Amino acid sequence: MSSTDTHPGLFVTFEGGDSCGKSTQIALTKQWLEDRGVAPLLTREPGGTELGEKLRELIIHGPDDMDPHTEALLYSAQRAYHMETKVRPALLRGEVVLQDRYLDSSVAYQGAARALGVDEILQLNLWAVRGLLPDVTIFLDLDPEVAFERRTGEPDRLEREPNSFQHRVREQYYELSKTYADRYRVIDASGDIESVQQQIRRALEPLVEKHLRANKVGNA
């Protein structure tokens, strides 16, 4: 799986199981980049656009009897629109994009945990996004039992799935990290917020430096 897109931007995605700390770490990474003179685009899936946010509501808070095929197609539909109208244009402008979840989430959740087929879901989403892949994927790895203890608020449809489901998600992320080791960076998310952020910064530093040099911006 290699991207068919070339662009002057830097596409960073964050992946992991539910309640692994992605939102917190993405916000801290955004602040780190801004301190370097970079104004990243922050976005998420499902969501990221007006249409995507409407579909997010259906996916995350929709009926419990939604079948896995419908769920997978809703994810891929919002992803196609998101990439075409927001992310790809930003990358072509040379921007840094920090994105909460991308097609690897569909591979892990629908392909593996929902048992729709890893290859089938991968090919569906590659077609939807016209082959656009991240430059780097930050995988926040956390034991599902620990994640469950951290959870606050009312759980959504996916968070209500049993731990066996969450373990299948984690196992598939491990497989993806081995298969696509060139773009995956596995981060131990069990520590405190600052230690996790330091791991992320070390993982991203070479790519950020390269981007800054190429675009002659920031404090590099």
N, C-alpha and C. Protein backbone atom coordinates (compact mmCIF):
# COMPACT_ATOMS: atom_id res chain seq x y z
N MET A 1 0.85 -1.18 0.00
CA MET A 1 0.00 0.00 0.00
C MET A 1 0.88 1.23 0.00
N SER A 2 0.94 1.92 -1.10
CA SER A 2 1.72 3.15 -1.19
C SER A 2 0.87 4.22 -1.84
N SER A 3 1.09 5.46 -1.41
CA SER A 3 0.27 6.57 -1.87
C SER A 3 0.55 6.90 -3.32
N THR A 4 -0.51 7.23 -4.05
CA THR A 4 -0.37 7.67 -5.44
C THR A 4 -0.26 9.19 -5.52
N ASP A 5 -0.41 9.87 -4.39
CA ASP A 5 -0.39 11.33 -4.36
C ASP A 5 1.02 11.86 -4.09
N THR A 6 1.36 12.95 -4.75
CA THR A 6 2.54 13.72 -4.39
C THR A 6 2.08 15.13 -4.07
N HIS A 7 2.63 15.67 -3.00
CA HIS A 7 2.21 17.00 -2.55
C HIS A 7 3.31 17.57 -1.67
N PRO A 8 3.34 18.89 -1.50
CA PRO A 8 4.36 19.52 -0.67
C PRO A 8 4.01 19.58 0.81
N GLY A 9 2.84 19.09 1.19
CA GLY A 9 2.41 19.14 2.58
C GLY A 9 2.94 17.98 3.39
N LEU A 10 2.50 17.92 4.64
CA LEU A 10 2.85 16.82 5.55
C LEU A 10 1.56 16.31 6.18
N PHE A 11 1.23 15.05 5.90
CA PHE A 11 -0.03 14.46 6.33
C PHE A 11 0.24 13.51 7.49
N VAL A 12 -0.21 13.91 8.69
CA VAL A 12 0.01 13.14 9.91
C VAL A 12 -1.34 12.65 10.43
N THR A 13 -1.47 11.34 10.60
CA THR A 13 -2.70 10.80 11.17
C THR A 13 -2.42 10.18 12.53
N PHE A 14 -3.43 10.21 13.38
CA PHE A 14 -3.35 9.63 14.72
C PHE A 14 -4.37 8.50 14.82
N GLU A 15 -3.91 7.34 15.25
CA GLU A 15 -4.77 6.17 15.35
C GLU A 15 -4.67 5.55 16.74
N GLY A 16 -5.63 4.70 17.06
CA GLY A 16 -5.62 4.00 18.33
C GLY A 16 -7.02 3.63 18.74
N GLY A 17 -7.12 2.81 19.78
CA GLY A 17 -8.42 2.40 20.29
C GLY A 17 -9.14 3.54 20.99
N ASP A 18 -10.38 3.27 21.37
CA ASP A 18 -11.17 4.28 22.06
C ASP A 18 -10.53 4.65 23.39
N SER A 19 -10.56 5.95 23.71
CA SER A 19 -10.06 6.49 24.98
C SER A 19 -8.55 6.31 25.16
N CYS A 20 -7.81 6.33 24.05
CA CYS A 20 -6.35 6.19 24.13
C CYS A 20 -5.65 7.53 24.31
N GLY A 21 -6.38 8.64 24.24
CA GLY A 21 -5.79 9.96 24.46
C GLY A 21 -5.47 10.73 23.21
N LYS A 22 -6.06 10.35 22.07
CA LYS A 22 -5.74 11.02 20.81
C LYS A 22 -6.04 12.52 20.84
N SER A 23 -7.21 12.89 21.31
CA SER A 23 -7.60 14.31 21.27
C SER A 23 -6.62 15.18 22.04
N THR A 24 -6.24 14.74 23.22
CA THR A 24 -5.29 15.49 24.04
C THR A 24 -3.94 15.61 23.34
N GLN A 25 -3.45 14.51 22.80
CA GLN A 25 -2.12 14.51 22.17
C GLN A 25 -2.10 15.30 20.86
N ILE A 26 -3.19 15.27 20.12
CA ILE A 26 -3.25 16.06 18.89
C ILE A 26 -3.22 17.54 19.22
N ALA A 27 -3.95 17.95 20.26
CA ALA A 27 -3.94 19.36 20.66
C ALA A 27 -2.55 19.80 21.09
N LEU A 28 -1.84 18.96 21.83
CA LEU A 28 -0.48 19.30 22.26
C LEU A 28 0.48 19.34 21.07
N THR A 29 0.30 18.43 20.12
CA THR A 29 1.14 18.43 18.93
C THR A 29 0.90 19.67 18.10
N LYS A 30 -0.34 20.10 18.02
CA LYS A 30 -0.67 21.34 17.31
C LYS A 30 0.05 22.52 17.94
N GLN A 31 0.03 22.60 19.28
CA GLN A 31 0.70 23.69 19.97
C GLN A 31 2.21 23.65 19.74
N TRP A 32 2.79 22.47 19.75
CA TRP A 32 4.23 22.30 19.49
C TRP A 32 4.59 22.82 18.10
N LEU A 33 3.78 22.48 17.11
CA LEU A 33 4.03 22.95 15.75
C LEU A 33 3.87 24.46 15.64
N GLU A 34 2.86 25.00 16.30
CA GLU A 34 2.66 26.45 16.26
C GLU A 34 3.85 27.18 16.89
N ASP A 35 4.42 26.59 17.93
CA ASP A 35 5.62 27.17 18.54
C ASP A 35 6.82 27.14 17.59
N ARG A 36 6.76 26.25 16.60
CA ARG A 36 7.82 26.16 15.59
C ARG A 36 7.53 27.07 14.40
N GLY A 37 6.43 27.78 14.43
CA GLY A 37 6.08 28.67 13.32
C GLY A 37 5.22 28.02 12.27
N VAL A 38 4.63 26.86 12.59
CA VAL A 38 3.78 26.14 11.64
C VAL A 38 2.34 26.20 12.14
N ALA A 39 1.42 26.52 11.24
CA ALA A 39 0.00 26.57 11.58
C ALA A 39 -0.70 25.36 10.95
N PRO A 40 -0.77 24.24 11.67
CA PRO A 40 -1.33 23.03 11.07
C PRO A 40 -2.85 23.09 10.93
N LEU A 41 -3.35 22.33 9.98
CA LEU A 41 -4.78 22.12 9.86
C LEU A 41 -5.15 20.94 10.76
N LEU A 42 -6.08 21.16 11.67
CA LEU A 42 -6.53 20.12 12.59
C LEU A 42 -7.90 19.63 12.13
N THR A 43 -8.02 18.32 11.93
CA THR A 43 -9.29 17.79 11.45
C THR A 43 -9.49 16.37 11.98
N ARG A 44 -10.65 15.80 11.71
CA ARG A 44 -10.96 14.49 12.28
C ARG A 44 -11.88 13.69 11.38
N GLU A 45 -11.89 12.38 11.65
CA GLU A 45 -12.85 11.50 11.00
C GLU A 45 -13.44 10.54 12.04
N PRO A 46 -14.74 10.23 11.91
CA PRO A 46 -15.64 10.88 10.96
C PRO A 46 -15.86 12.33 11.35
N GLY A 47 -16.07 13.15 10.33
CA GLY A 47 -16.28 14.57 10.55
C GLY A 47 -15.41 15.41 9.64
N GLY A 48 -14.97 16.54 10.15
CA GLY A 48 -14.05 17.39 9.41
C GLY A 48 -14.69 18.37 8.44
N THR A 49 -15.90 18.10 8.03
CA THR A 49 -16.65 18.99 7.13
C THR A 49 -18.10 19.03 7.63
N GLU A 50 -18.88 19.94 7.08
CA GLU A 50 -20.29 20.00 7.49
C GLU A 50 -21.00 18.68 7.19
N LEU A 51 -20.77 18.15 6.00
CA LEU A 51 -21.37 16.86 5.65
C LEU A 51 -20.82 15.76 6.56
N GLY A 52 -19.51 15.77 6.78
CA GLY A 52 -18.89 14.75 7.60
C GLY A 52 -19.40 14.75 9.03
N GLU A 53 -19.66 15.93 9.58
CA GLU A 53 -20.16 16.00 10.94
C GLU A 53 -21.59 15.45 11.04
N LYS A 54 -22.37 15.66 10.01
CA LYS A 54 -23.72 15.07 10.00
C LYS A 54 -23.64 13.55 9.94
N LEU A 55 -22.74 13.05 9.10
CA LEU A 55 -22.57 11.60 9.02
C LEU A 55 -21.96 11.05 10.30
N ARG A 56 -21.10 11.83 10.95
CA ARG A 56 -20.52 11.40 12.23
C ARG A 56 -21.62 11.14 13.25
N GLU A 57 -22.60 12.05 13.30
CA GLU A 57 -23.69 11.89 14.25
C GLU A 57 -24.43 10.57 14.00
N LEU A 58 -24.63 10.24 12.73
CA LEU A 58 -25.30 8.99 12.39
C LEU A 58 -24.45 7.78 12.77
N ILE A 59 -23.14 7.88 12.51
CA ILE A 59 -22.26 6.74 12.77
C ILE A 59 -22.04 6.52 14.26
N ILE A 60 -21.70 7.59 14.96
CA ILE A 60 -21.31 7.48 16.36
C ILE A 60 -22.50 7.35 17.30
N HIS A 61 -23.58 8.07 16.98
CA HIS A 61 -24.72 8.09 17.89
C HIS A 61 -26.00 7.56 17.23
N GLY A 62 -25.85 6.85 16.13
CA GLY A 62 -27.00 6.31 15.42
C GLY A 62 -27.58 5.08 16.10
N PRO A 63 -28.48 4.41 15.42
CA PRO A 63 -29.15 3.25 16.03
C PRO A 63 -28.19 2.10 16.29
N ASP A 64 -28.42 1.40 17.38
CA ASP A 64 -27.56 0.26 17.73
C ASP A 64 -27.71 -0.89 16.75
N ASP A 65 -28.81 -0.91 15.98
CA ASP A 65 -29.00 -2.01 15.04
C ASP A 65 -28.40 -1.72 13.66
N MET A 66 -27.59 -0.64 13.55
CA MET A 66 -26.93 -0.37 12.28
C MET A 66 -26.02 -1.55 11.92
N ASP A 67 -26.20 -2.09 10.73
CA ASP A 67 -25.39 -3.26 10.36
C ASP A 67 -23.98 -2.83 9.96
N PRO A 68 -22.99 -3.73 10.07
CA PRO A 68 -21.60 -3.38 9.81
C PRO A 68 -21.33 -2.85 8.40
N HIS A 69 -22.05 -3.37 7.39
CA HIS A 69 -21.82 -2.90 6.02
C HIS A 69 -22.24 -1.44 5.87
N THR A 70 -23.39 -1.09 6.44
CA THR A 70 -23.83 0.30 6.40
C THR A 70 -22.84 1.21 7.10
N GLU A 71 -22.38 0.77 8.27
CA GLU A 71 -21.39 1.54 9.03
C GLU A 71 -20.13 1.79 8.20
N ALA A 72 -19.63 0.74 7.56
CA ALA A 72 -18.41 0.85 6.77
C ALA A 72 -18.59 1.80 5.59
N LEU A 73 -19.74 1.74 4.95
CA LEU A 73 -19.99 2.60 3.79
C LEU A 73 -20.16 4.06 4.20
N LEU A 74 -20.77 4.32 5.35
CA LEU A 74 -20.89 5.69 5.84
C LEU A 74 -19.51 6.27 6.13
N TYR A 75 -18.64 5.47 6.74
CA TYR A 75 -17.27 5.94 6.99
C TYR A 75 -16.57 6.29 5.69
N SER A 76 -16.65 5.42 4.71
CA SER A 76 -15.93 5.66 3.46
C SER A 76 -16.53 6.83 2.69
N ALA A 77 -17.84 7.03 2.78
CA ALA A 77 -18.48 8.15 2.09
C ALA A 77 -18.01 9.49 2.66
N GLN A 78 -18.03 9.62 4.00
CA GLN A 78 -17.58 10.89 4.59
C GLN A 78 -16.10 11.09 4.34
N ARG A 79 -15.34 10.00 4.29
CA ARG A 79 -13.89 10.10 4.06
C ARG A 79 -13.58 10.60 2.65
N ALA A 80 -14.30 10.12 1.68
CA ALA A 80 -14.09 10.56 0.30
C ALA A 80 -14.31 12.07 0.18
N TYR A 81 -15.39 12.55 0.76
CA TYR A 81 -15.70 13.98 0.69
C TYR A 81 -14.69 14.81 1.47
N HIS A 82 -14.31 14.33 2.62
CA HIS A 82 -13.34 15.02 3.48
C HIS A 82 -12.01 15.19 2.77
N MET A 83 -11.53 14.13 2.16
CA MET A 83 -10.24 14.20 1.47
C MET A 83 -10.31 15.14 0.26
N GLU A 84 -11.39 15.03 -0.48
CA GLU A 84 -11.50 15.78 -1.72
C GLU A 84 -11.67 17.27 -1.49
N THR A 85 -12.41 17.65 -0.45
CA THR A 85 -12.76 19.06 -0.26
C THR A 85 -11.89 19.78 0.77
N LYS A 86 -11.22 19.04 1.64
CA LYS A 86 -10.49 19.71 2.73
C LYS A 86 -9.03 19.29 2.82
N VAL A 87 -8.76 18.00 2.91
CA VAL A 87 -7.39 17.56 3.22
C VAL A 87 -6.47 17.65 2.01
N ARG A 88 -6.90 17.08 0.89
CA ARG A 88 -6.02 17.12 -0.29
C ARG A 88 -5.70 18.56 -0.71
N PRO A 89 -6.67 19.48 -0.77
CA PRO A 89 -6.32 20.87 -1.10
C PRO A 89 -5.31 21.47 -0.13
N ALA A 90 -5.43 21.17 1.17
CA ALA A 90 -4.47 21.70 2.15
C ALA A 90 -3.08 21.15 1.89
N LEU A 91 -2.98 19.88 1.59
CA LEU A 91 -1.67 19.27 1.32
C LEU A 91 -1.05 19.85 0.06
N LEU A 92 -1.88 20.11 -0.94
CA LEU A 92 -1.37 20.70 -2.17
C LEU A 92 -0.90 22.14 -1.95
N ARG A 93 -1.43 22.79 -0.93
CA ARG A 93 -0.96 24.13 -0.58
C ARG A 93 0.32 24.08 0.27
N GLY A 94 0.74 22.87 0.64
CA GLY A 94 1.95 22.72 1.43
C GLY A 94 1.73 22.76 2.93
N GLU A 95 0.50 22.58 3.38
CA GLU A 95 0.20 22.66 4.80
C GLU A 95 0.49 21.35 5.53
N VAL A 96 0.64 21.46 6.85
CA VAL A 96 0.72 20.28 7.71
C VAL A 96 -0.69 19.95 8.18
N VAL A 97 -1.10 18.71 8.00
CA VAL A 97 -2.43 18.28 8.42
C VAL A 97 -2.28 17.29 9.57
N LEU A 98 -2.93 17.59 10.69
CA LEU A 98 -3.01 16.67 11.82
C LEU A 98 -4.43 16.12 11.85
N GLN A 99 -4.56 14.82 11.65
CA GLN A 99 -5.90 14.24 11.52
C GLN A 99 -6.14 13.13 12.53
N ASP A 100 -7.26 13.25 13.22
CA ASP A 100 -7.71 12.25 14.19
C ASP A 100 -8.48 11.17 13.42
N ARG A 101 -7.80 10.03 13.21
CA ARG A 101 -8.31 8.85 12.50
C ARG A 101 -8.33 9.04 10.98
N TYR A 102 -8.11 7.90 10.30
CA TYR A 102 -8.18 7.87 8.84
C TYR A 102 -8.56 6.45 8.44
N LEU A 103 -8.20 6.02 7.26
CA LEU A 103 -8.68 4.73 6.76
C LEU A 103 -8.19 3.54 7.57
N ASP A 104 -7.06 3.67 8.30
CA ASP A 104 -6.61 2.56 9.14
C ASP A 104 -7.64 2.23 10.21
N SER A 105 -8.39 3.23 10.66
CA SER A 105 -9.45 2.98 11.63
C SER A 105 -10.51 2.05 11.05
N SER A 106 -10.87 2.28 9.80
CA SER A 106 -11.86 1.41 9.16
C SER A 106 -11.34 0.00 9.01
N VAL A 107 -10.06 -0.13 8.66
CA VAL A 107 -9.45 -1.45 8.53
C VAL A 107 -9.50 -2.18 9.87
N ALA A 108 -9.17 -1.46 10.96
CA ALA A 108 -9.14 -2.08 12.29
C ALA A 108 -10.54 -2.36 12.83
N TYR A 109 -11.42 -1.38 12.74
CA TYR A 109 -12.74 -1.51 13.34
C TYR A 109 -13.71 -2.32 12.49
N GLN A 110 -13.87 -1.93 11.23
CA GLN A 110 -14.83 -2.66 10.39
C GLN A 110 -14.20 -3.90 9.75
N GLY A 111 -12.98 -3.74 9.26
CA GLY A 111 -12.34 -4.88 8.59
C GLY A 111 -12.06 -6.03 9.51
N ALA A 112 -11.43 -5.73 10.67
CA ALA A 112 -11.04 -6.80 11.61
C ALA A 112 -12.09 -7.04 12.68
N ALA A 113 -12.38 -6.01 13.50
CA ALA A 113 -13.27 -6.21 14.64
C ALA A 113 -14.70 -6.56 14.22
N ARG A 114 -15.18 -5.95 13.12
CA ARG A 114 -16.51 -6.28 12.61
C ARG A 114 -16.48 -7.47 11.64
N ALA A 115 -15.27 -7.93 11.34
CA ALA A 115 -15.08 -9.13 10.50
C ALA A 115 -15.63 -8.97 9.09
N LEU A 116 -15.52 -7.74 8.52
CA LEU A 116 -15.94 -7.52 7.14
C LEU A 116 -14.83 -7.85 6.15
N GLY A 117 -13.63 -8.07 6.66
CA GLY A 117 -12.50 -8.38 5.78
C GLY A 117 -11.53 -7.22 5.69
N VAL A 118 -10.32 -7.45 6.14
CA VAL A 118 -9.31 -6.40 6.15
C VAL A 118 -9.01 -5.91 4.74
N ASP A 119 -8.78 -6.83 3.81
CA ASP A 119 -8.45 -6.43 2.44
C ASP A 119 -9.62 -5.72 1.77
N GLU A 120 -10.82 -6.21 2.01
CA GLU A 120 -12.00 -5.61 1.38
C GLU A 120 -12.19 -4.16 1.84
N ILE A 121 -12.07 -3.92 3.16
CA ILE A 121 -12.25 -2.57 3.68
C ILE A 121 -11.11 -1.67 3.24
N LEU A 122 -9.91 -2.21 3.20
CA LEU A 122 -8.77 -1.42 2.73
C LEU A 122 -8.97 -0.96 1.29
N GLN A 123 -9.36 -1.87 0.42
CA GLN A 123 -9.54 -1.52 -0.98
C GLN A 123 -10.69 -0.54 -1.18
N LEU A 124 -11.77 -0.71 -0.43
CA LEU A 124 -12.90 0.22 -0.50
C LEU A 124 -12.45 1.64 -0.18
N ASN A 125 -11.67 1.78 0.88
CA ASN A 125 -11.27 3.11 1.31
C ASN A 125 -10.17 3.70 0.45
N LEU A 126 -9.27 2.88 -0.05
CA LEU A 126 -8.27 3.39 -0.99
C LEU A 126 -8.95 3.94 -2.24
N TRP A 127 -9.99 3.25 -2.70
CA TRP A 127 -10.76 3.75 -3.85
C TRP A 127 -11.44 5.06 -3.49
N ALA A 128 -12.01 5.15 -2.28
CA ALA A 128 -12.74 6.35 -1.87
C ALA A 128 -11.84 7.58 -1.81
N VAL A 129 -10.57 7.40 -1.38
CA VAL A 129 -9.67 8.55 -1.22
C VAL A 129 -8.68 8.68 -2.37
N ARG A 130 -8.87 7.90 -3.42
CA ARG A 130 -7.99 7.94 -4.59
C ARG A 130 -6.52 7.72 -4.21
N GLY A 131 -6.32 6.77 -3.28
CA GLY A 131 -4.96 6.34 -2.96
C GLY A 131 -4.18 7.23 -2.03
N LEU A 132 -4.79 8.28 -1.47
CA LEU A 132 -4.06 9.20 -0.61
C LEU A 132 -3.77 8.55 0.75
N LEU A 133 -2.48 8.46 1.09
CA LEU A 133 -2.07 7.87 2.36
C LEU A 133 -1.29 8.89 3.19
N PRO A 134 -1.23 8.70 4.51
CA PRO A 134 -0.47 9.62 5.36
C PRO A 134 1.03 9.50 5.11
N ASP A 135 1.74 10.57 5.42
CA ASP A 135 3.20 10.50 5.44
C ASP A 135 3.67 9.77 6.68
N VAL A 136 2.93 9.91 7.77
CA VAL A 136 3.27 9.23 9.02
C VAL A 136 1.98 9.00 9.81
N THR A 137 1.93 7.85 10.47
CA THR A 137 0.78 7.50 11.31
C THR A 137 1.26 7.27 12.73
N ILE A 138 0.72 8.04 13.66
CA ILE A 138 1.04 7.89 15.08
C ILE A 138 0.01 6.95 15.69
N PHE A 139 0.45 5.77 16.11
CA PHE A 139 -0.43 4.78 16.73
C PHE A 139 -0.26 4.85 18.25
N LEU A 140 -1.27 5.36 18.94
CA LEU A 140 -1.25 5.43 20.39
C LEU A 140 -1.75 4.10 20.95
N ASP A 141 -0.80 3.31 21.41
CA ASP A 141 -1.10 1.94 21.84
C ASP A 141 -1.41 1.91 23.33
N LEU A 142 -2.60 1.41 23.66
CA LEU A 142 -3.04 1.34 25.06
C LEU A 142 -3.90 0.11 25.26
N ASP A 143 -3.65 -0.61 26.34
CA ASP A 143 -4.44 -1.78 26.68
C ASP A 143 -5.91 -1.38 26.83
N PRO A 144 -6.84 -2.10 26.21
CA PRO A 144 -8.26 -1.73 26.29
C PRO A 144 -8.81 -1.66 27.71
N GLU A 145 -8.28 -2.49 28.63
CA GLU A 145 -8.74 -2.41 30.01
C GLU A 145 -8.34 -1.09 30.66
N VAL A 146 -7.13 -0.64 30.36
CA VAL A 146 -6.67 0.66 30.88
C VAL A 146 -7.50 1.79 30.26
N ALA A 147 -7.75 1.68 28.96
CA ALA A 147 -8.56 2.69 28.27
C ALA A 147 -9.96 2.77 28.88
N PHE A 148 -10.52 1.62 29.21
CA PHE A 148 -11.86 1.58 29.81
C PHE A 148 -11.88 2.34 31.13
N GLU A 149 -10.83 2.19 31.93
CA GLU A 149 -10.76 2.87 33.22
C GLU A 149 -10.64 4.38 33.04
N ARG A 150 -10.06 4.81 31.93
CA ARG A 150 -9.88 6.24 31.68
C ARG A 150 -11.13 6.91 31.13
N ARG A 151 -12.05 6.13 30.65
CA ARG A 151 -13.20 6.67 29.92
C ARG A 151 -14.08 7.52 30.82
N THR A 152 -14.54 8.65 30.27
CA THR A 152 -15.48 9.51 30.97
C THR A 152 -16.64 9.82 30.05
N GLY A 153 -17.75 10.19 30.61
CA GLY A 153 -18.91 10.55 29.80
C GLY A 153 -19.67 9.34 29.30
N GLU A 154 -20.74 9.61 28.59
CA GLU A 154 -21.61 8.56 28.05
C GLU A 154 -20.94 7.90 26.86
N PRO A 155 -20.78 6.57 26.87
CA PRO A 155 -20.12 5.89 25.75
C PRO A 155 -20.95 5.93 24.47
N ASP A 156 -20.26 6.01 23.31
CA ASP A 156 -20.97 5.98 22.04
C ASP A 156 -21.14 4.54 21.57
N ARG A 157 -21.62 4.37 20.34
CA ARG A 157 -21.90 3.03 19.83
C ARG A 157 -20.67 2.12 19.88
N LEU A 158 -19.53 2.62 19.44
CA LEU A 158 -18.33 1.79 19.39
C LEU A 158 -17.74 1.57 20.78
N GLU A 159 -17.83 2.57 21.63
CA GLU A 159 -17.32 2.42 23.00
C GLU A 159 -18.13 1.43 23.81
N ARG A 160 -19.36 1.19 23.40
CA ARG A 160 -20.19 0.22 24.11
C ARG A 160 -19.88 -1.22 23.72
N GLU A 161 -19.03 -1.40 22.71
CA GLU A 161 -18.65 -2.76 22.33
C GLU A 161 -17.83 -3.41 23.44
N PRO A 162 -17.91 -4.75 23.57
CA PRO A 162 -17.17 -5.44 24.63
C PRO A 162 -15.66 -5.35 24.43
N ASN A 163 -14.91 -5.66 25.49
CA ASN A 163 -13.46 -5.58 25.42
C ASN A 163 -12.87 -6.51 24.37
N SER A 164 -13.55 -7.62 24.07
CA SER A 164 -13.06 -8.52 23.03
C SER A 164 -13.00 -7.80 21.69
N PHE A 165 -13.96 -6.93 21.43
CA PHE A 165 -13.98 -6.11 20.22
C PHE A 165 -12.78 -5.16 20.22
N GLN A 166 -12.56 -4.49 21.35
CA GLN A 166 -11.45 -3.54 21.45
C GLN A 166 -10.10 -4.23 21.31
N HIS A 167 -9.99 -5.46 21.79
CA HIS A 167 -8.73 -6.21 21.63
C HIS A 167 -8.49 -6.56 20.16
N ARG A 168 -9.55 -6.88 19.43
CA ARG A 168 -9.38 -7.17 18.00
C ARG A 168 -8.91 -5.92 17.25
N VAL A 169 -9.45 -4.77 17.65
CA VAL A 169 -9.01 -3.50 17.06
C VAL A 169 -7.51 -3.31 17.30
N ARG A 170 -7.09 -3.50 18.55
CA ARG A 170 -5.68 -3.31 18.90
C ARG A 170 -4.78 -4.27 18.13
N GLU A 171 -5.19 -5.52 18.04
CA GLU A 171 -4.39 -6.51 17.32
C GLU A 171 -4.22 -6.15 15.85
N GLN A 172 -5.28 -5.60 15.24
CA GLN A 172 -5.18 -5.21 13.84
C GLN A 172 -4.25 -4.01 13.67
N TYR A 173 -4.29 -3.08 14.61
CA TYR A 173 -3.33 -1.97 14.55
C TYR A 173 -1.89 -2.48 14.61
N TYR A 174 -1.66 -3.49 15.44
CA TYR A 174 -0.33 -4.09 15.50
C TYR A 174 0.07 -4.64 14.13
N GLU A 175 -0.87 -5.32 13.48
CA GLU A 175 -0.58 -5.88 12.16
C GLU A 175 -0.27 -4.77 11.15
N LEU A 176 -1.05 -3.72 11.20
CA LEU A 176 -0.80 -2.59 10.30
C LEU A 176 0.56 -1.96 10.57
N SER A 177 0.92 -1.85 11.85
CA SER A 177 2.21 -1.23 12.19
C SER A 177 3.39 -2.05 11.70
N LYS A 178 3.20 -3.37 11.60
CA LYS A 178 4.27 -4.23 11.08
C LYS A 178 4.28 -4.22 9.56
N THR A 179 3.12 -4.25 8.96
CA THR A 179 3.04 -4.28 7.50
C THR A 179 3.51 -2.97 6.89
N TYR A 180 3.16 -1.85 7.53
CA TYR A 180 3.49 -0.52 7.01
C TYR A 180 4.42 0.22 7.97
N ALA A 181 5.50 -0.48 8.34
CA ALA A 181 6.44 0.05 9.32
C ALA A 181 7.09 1.35 8.87
N ASP A 182 7.11 1.59 7.56
CA ASP A 182 7.75 2.81 7.06
C ASP A 182 6.99 4.07 7.48
N ARG A 183 5.67 3.98 7.64
CA ARG A 183 4.90 5.16 8.03
C ARG A 183 4.34 5.09 9.44
N TYR A 184 4.38 3.93 10.08
CA TYR A 184 3.84 3.80 11.43
C TYR A 184 4.88 4.14 12.49
N ARG A 185 4.45 4.85 13.53
CA ARG A 185 5.24 5.07 14.72
C ARG A 185 4.39 4.63 15.91
N VAL A 186 4.83 3.59 16.59
CA VAL A 186 4.07 3.03 17.71
C VAL A 186 4.46 3.75 18.99
N ILE A 187 3.48 4.36 19.64
CA ILE A 187 3.70 5.17 20.85
C ILE A 187 3.05 4.47 22.03
N ASP A 188 3.81 4.27 23.11
CA ASP A 188 3.26 3.70 24.34
C ASP A 188 2.42 4.77 25.01
N ALA A 189 1.10 4.59 25.01
CA ALA A 189 0.18 5.60 25.52
C ALA A 189 -0.21 5.35 26.97
N SER A 190 0.52 4.47 27.66
CA SER A 190 0.15 4.14 29.04
C SER A 190 0.71 5.11 30.07
N GLY A 191 1.67 5.94 29.66
CA GLY A 191 2.29 6.86 30.60
C GLY A 191 1.50 8.14 30.79
N ASP A 192 2.12 9.11 31.47
CA ASP A 192 1.45 10.38 31.68
C ASP A 192 1.43 11.18 30.37
N ILE A 193 0.63 12.22 30.34
CA ILE A 193 0.39 12.99 29.12
C ILE A 193 1.69 13.53 28.54
N GLU A 194 2.56 14.08 29.39
CA GLU A 194 3.78 14.70 28.90
C GLU A 194 4.75 13.67 28.31
N SER A 195 4.87 12.51 28.93
CA SER A 195 5.78 11.50 28.41
C SER A 195 5.31 10.96 27.06
N VAL A 196 4.01 10.83 26.91
CA VAL A 196 3.46 10.39 25.62
C VAL A 196 3.73 11.46 24.56
N GLN A 197 3.54 12.72 24.92
CA GLN A 197 3.78 13.81 23.97
C GLN A 197 5.25 13.86 23.55
N GLN A 198 6.15 13.62 24.47
CA GLN A 198 7.57 13.61 24.11
C GLN A 198 7.90 12.51 23.11
N GLN A 199 7.28 11.35 23.26
CA GLN A 199 7.46 10.27 22.29
C GLN A 199 7.00 10.71 20.90
N ILE A 200 5.85 11.37 20.87
CA ILE A 200 5.29 11.82 19.59
C ILE A 200 6.20 12.85 18.94
N ARG A 201 6.70 13.78 19.72
CA ARG A 201 7.59 14.80 19.16
C ARG A 201 8.87 14.19 18.61
N ARG A 202 9.42 13.21 19.31
CA ARG A 202 10.63 12.56 18.80
C ARG A 202 10.34 11.83 17.50
N ALA A 203 9.16 11.23 17.41
CA ALA A 203 8.79 10.50 16.19
C ALA A 203 8.58 11.44 15.01
N LEU A 204 8.02 12.62 15.28
CA LEU A 204 7.68 13.56 14.20
C LEU A 204 8.82 14.50 13.84
N GLU A 205 9.76 14.70 14.74
CA GLU A 205 10.81 15.71 14.54
C GLU A 205 11.50 15.61 13.18
N PRO A 206 11.97 14.43 12.75
CA PRO A 206 12.66 14.39 11.45
C PRO A 206 11.78 14.82 10.28
N LEU A 207 10.53 14.42 10.29
CA LEU A 207 9.62 14.79 9.21
C LEU A 207 9.28 16.28 9.25
N VAL A 208 9.10 16.81 10.44
CA VAL A 208 8.81 18.23 10.57
C VAL A 208 10.00 19.06 10.10
N GLU A 209 11.21 18.66 10.51
CA GLU A 209 12.41 19.37 10.07
C GLU A 209 12.54 19.36 8.55
N LYS A 210 12.29 18.21 7.96
CA LYS A 210 12.35 18.09 6.50
C LYS A 210 11.33 19.01 5.84
N HIS A 211 10.12 19.04 6.41
CA HIS A 211 9.06 19.89 5.85
C HIS A 211 9.44 21.37 5.97
N LEU A 212 9.98 21.75 7.12
CA LEU A 212 10.37 23.15 7.33
C LEU A 212 11.46 23.56 6.35
N ARG A 213 12.44 22.70 6.15
CA ARG A 213 13.52 23.03 5.21
C ARG A 213 12.99 23.17 3.79
N ALA A 214 12.11 22.25 3.41
CA ALA A 214 11.58 22.25 2.05
C ALA A 214 10.72 23.48 1.77
N ASN A 215 10.02 23.93 2.81
CA ASN A 215 9.11 25.06 2.64
C ASN A 215 9.66 26.36 3.18
N LYS A 216 10.86 26.29 3.81
CA LYS A 216 11.54 27.49 4.31
C LYS A 216 10.65 28.33 5.20
N VAL A 217 10.02 27.64 6.20
CA VAL A 217 9.18 28.34 7.15
C VAL A 217 9.58 27.91 8.55
N GLY A 218 9.05 28.63 9.54
CA GLY A 218 9.27 28.24 10.92
C GLY A 218 10.65 28.63 11.40
N ASN A 219 11.08 27.93 12.47
CA ASN A 219 12.33 28.26 13.13
C ASN A 219 13.42 27.25 12.88
N ALA A 220 13.29 26.40 11.86
CA ALA A 220 14.29 25.38 11.63
C ALA A 220 15.57 26.00 11.13
